[in-house]
Protein backbone atom coordinates (compact mmCIF):
# COMPACT_ATOMS: atom_id res chain seq x y z
CA UNK A 1 -96.81 51.25 56.65
CA UNK A 2 -99.91 52.86 58.13
CA UNK A 3 -103.22 51.06 57.94
CA UNK A 4 -106.38 53.08 57.38
CA UNK A 5 -110.06 52.39 57.84
CA UNK A 6 -112.75 54.71 56.45
CA UNK A 7 -115.40 55.07 59.14
CA UNK A 8 -117.63 57.80 57.71
CA UNK A 9 -117.83 58.90 54.08
CA UNK A 10 -121.28 60.33 53.46
CA UNK A 11 -123.45 63.41 53.16
CA UNK A 12 -125.15 65.08 56.10
CA UNK A 13 -127.06 66.30 57.86
CA UNK A 14 -125.36 65.73 61.20
CA UNK A 15 -125.31 63.90 63.48
CA UNK A 16 -123.71 60.94 61.72
CA UNK A 17 -122.61 57.89 63.68
CA UNK A 18 -121.08 54.48 63.00
CA UNK A 19 -119.75 51.50 64.91
CA UNK A 20 -116.36 49.95 64.17
CA UNK A 21 -114.01 47.33 65.57
CA UNK A 22 -110.51 48.42 66.56
CA UNK A 23 -107.77 46.07 65.36
CA UNK A 24 -105.95 46.20 68.70
CA UNK A 25 -104.88 48.32 71.66
CA UNK A 26 -102.80 51.42 71.07
CA UNK A 27 -102.37 54.89 69.71
CA UNK A 28 -104.34 55.87 66.60
CA UNK A 29 -105.18 59.03 64.67
CA UNK A 30 -108.58 60.05 63.34
CA UNK A 31 -108.71 62.30 60.26
CA UNK A 32 -111.83 64.51 60.04
CA UNK A 33 -112.99 66.64 57.12
CA UNK A 34 -116.35 68.02 56.06
CA UNK A 35 -118.36 71.15 55.39
CA UNK A 36 -121.12 73.21 56.96
CA UNK A 37 -122.95 76.50 56.55
CA UNK A 38 -124.85 79.14 58.52
CA UNK A 39 -127.78 81.47 57.99
CA UNK A 40 -125.81 84.09 59.93
CA UNK A 41 -123.01 86.17 58.43
CA UNK A 42 -119.89 86.18 60.60
CA UNK A 43 -120.59 82.77 62.11
CA UNK A 44 -118.19 80.23 63.53
CA UNK A 45 -118.95 76.77 62.10
CA UNK A 46 -117.98 73.87 64.37
CA UNK A 47 -118.22 70.06 64.15
CA UNK A 48 -117.02 67.73 66.91
CA UNK A 49 -115.75 64.16 66.66
CA UNK A 50 -117.04 62.01 69.53
CA UNK A 51 -115.56 58.62 70.38
CA UNK A 52 -117.68 56.38 72.64
CA UNK A 53 -119.59 59.43 74.00
CA UNK A 54 -116.33 61.31 74.69
CA UNK A 55 -115.83 64.53 72.64
CA UNK A 56 -112.28 64.44 71.26
CA UNK A 57 -111.78 67.55 69.13
CA UNK A 58 -113.68 70.16 67.13
CA UNK A 59 -113.02 71.33 63.58
CA UNK A 60 -113.83 75.03 63.20
CA UNK A 61 -114.05 77.54 60.36
CA UNK A 62 -115.33 81.12 60.18
CA UNK A 63 -117.69 82.29 57.45
CA UNK A 64 -117.98 85.93 56.40
CA UNK A 65 -121.22 85.55 54.46
CA UNK A 66 -124.46 83.72 55.17
CA UNK A 67 -125.90 80.74 53.27
CA UNK A 68 -122.53 79.63 51.86
CA UNK A 69 -121.20 76.12 52.46
CA UNK A 70 -117.64 76.21 53.81
CA UNK A 71 -115.01 73.49 54.11
CA UNK A 72 -114.17 72.78 57.73
CA UNK A 73 -110.49 72.87 58.60
CA UNK A 74 -109.35 69.23 58.21
CA UNK A 75 -107.84 67.93 61.43
CA UNK A 76 -105.87 64.95 62.71
CA UNK A 77 -107.03 63.78 66.14
CA UNK A 78 -104.82 61.50 68.26
CA UNK A 79 -106.55 58.94 70.48
CA UNK A 80 -105.94 55.71 72.35
CA UNK A 81 -108.12 52.71 71.52
CA UNK A 82 -108.65 49.33 73.07
CA UNK A 83 -109.37 46.34 70.86
CA UNK A 84 -113.05 45.77 70.17
CA UNK A 85 -116.21 47.68 69.37
CA UNK A 86 -116.37 51.49 69.40
CA UNK A 87 -118.71 54.22 68.18
CA UNK A 88 -117.67 57.40 66.41
CA UNK A 89 -120.11 60.30 65.99
CA UNK A 90 -119.97 63.68 64.26
CA UNK A 91 -122.20 66.41 65.67
CA UNK A 92 -122.57 70.15 65.26
CA UNK A 93 -121.21 72.15 68.15
CA UNK A 94 -123.25 75.37 68.17
CA UNK A 95 -126.61 76.71 67.02
CA UNK A 96 -125.04 78.72 64.15
CA UNK A 97 -123.74 75.59 62.40
CA UNK A 98 -126.04 73.93 59.86
CA UNK A 99 -125.42 70.78 57.81
CA UNK A 100 -127.56 69.22 55.09
CA UNK A 101 -127.36 66.81 52.15
CA UNK A 102 -124.97 69.22 50.39
CA UNK A 103 -122.34 68.75 53.11
CA UNK A 104 -120.05 65.74 52.94
CA UNK A 105 -118.12 64.25 55.83
CA UNK A 106 -115.14 61.93 56.09
CA UNK A 107 -113.64 60.26 59.13
CA UNK A 108 -110.67 57.97 58.57
CA UNK A 109 -108.95 55.93 61.26
CA UNK A 110 -105.17 55.64 60.89
CA UNK A 111 -103.41 52.86 62.81
């Protein structure tokens, strides 16, 4: 049975960051979901998950209209952890992406 640990479950704006302790060494999966918006029609919205200052993967969605919050494409991100303390951060990836208190983010660690 998989074990999960919720690392981030809160509203923006980004960046959001938290520290956590890994249960042990090995392969894990991070699950990332959230939302964002842009003042520009036809924008690509992008949010990156960073583990210990190392960008792992970016969730991206395209918006046709401006000023409309869009759900980012939820993604599963494989990674290798060592036991002990780590930091996970969510940050926007381009100047078209905007996040605020109306955008909610979730990062779950799956062992």
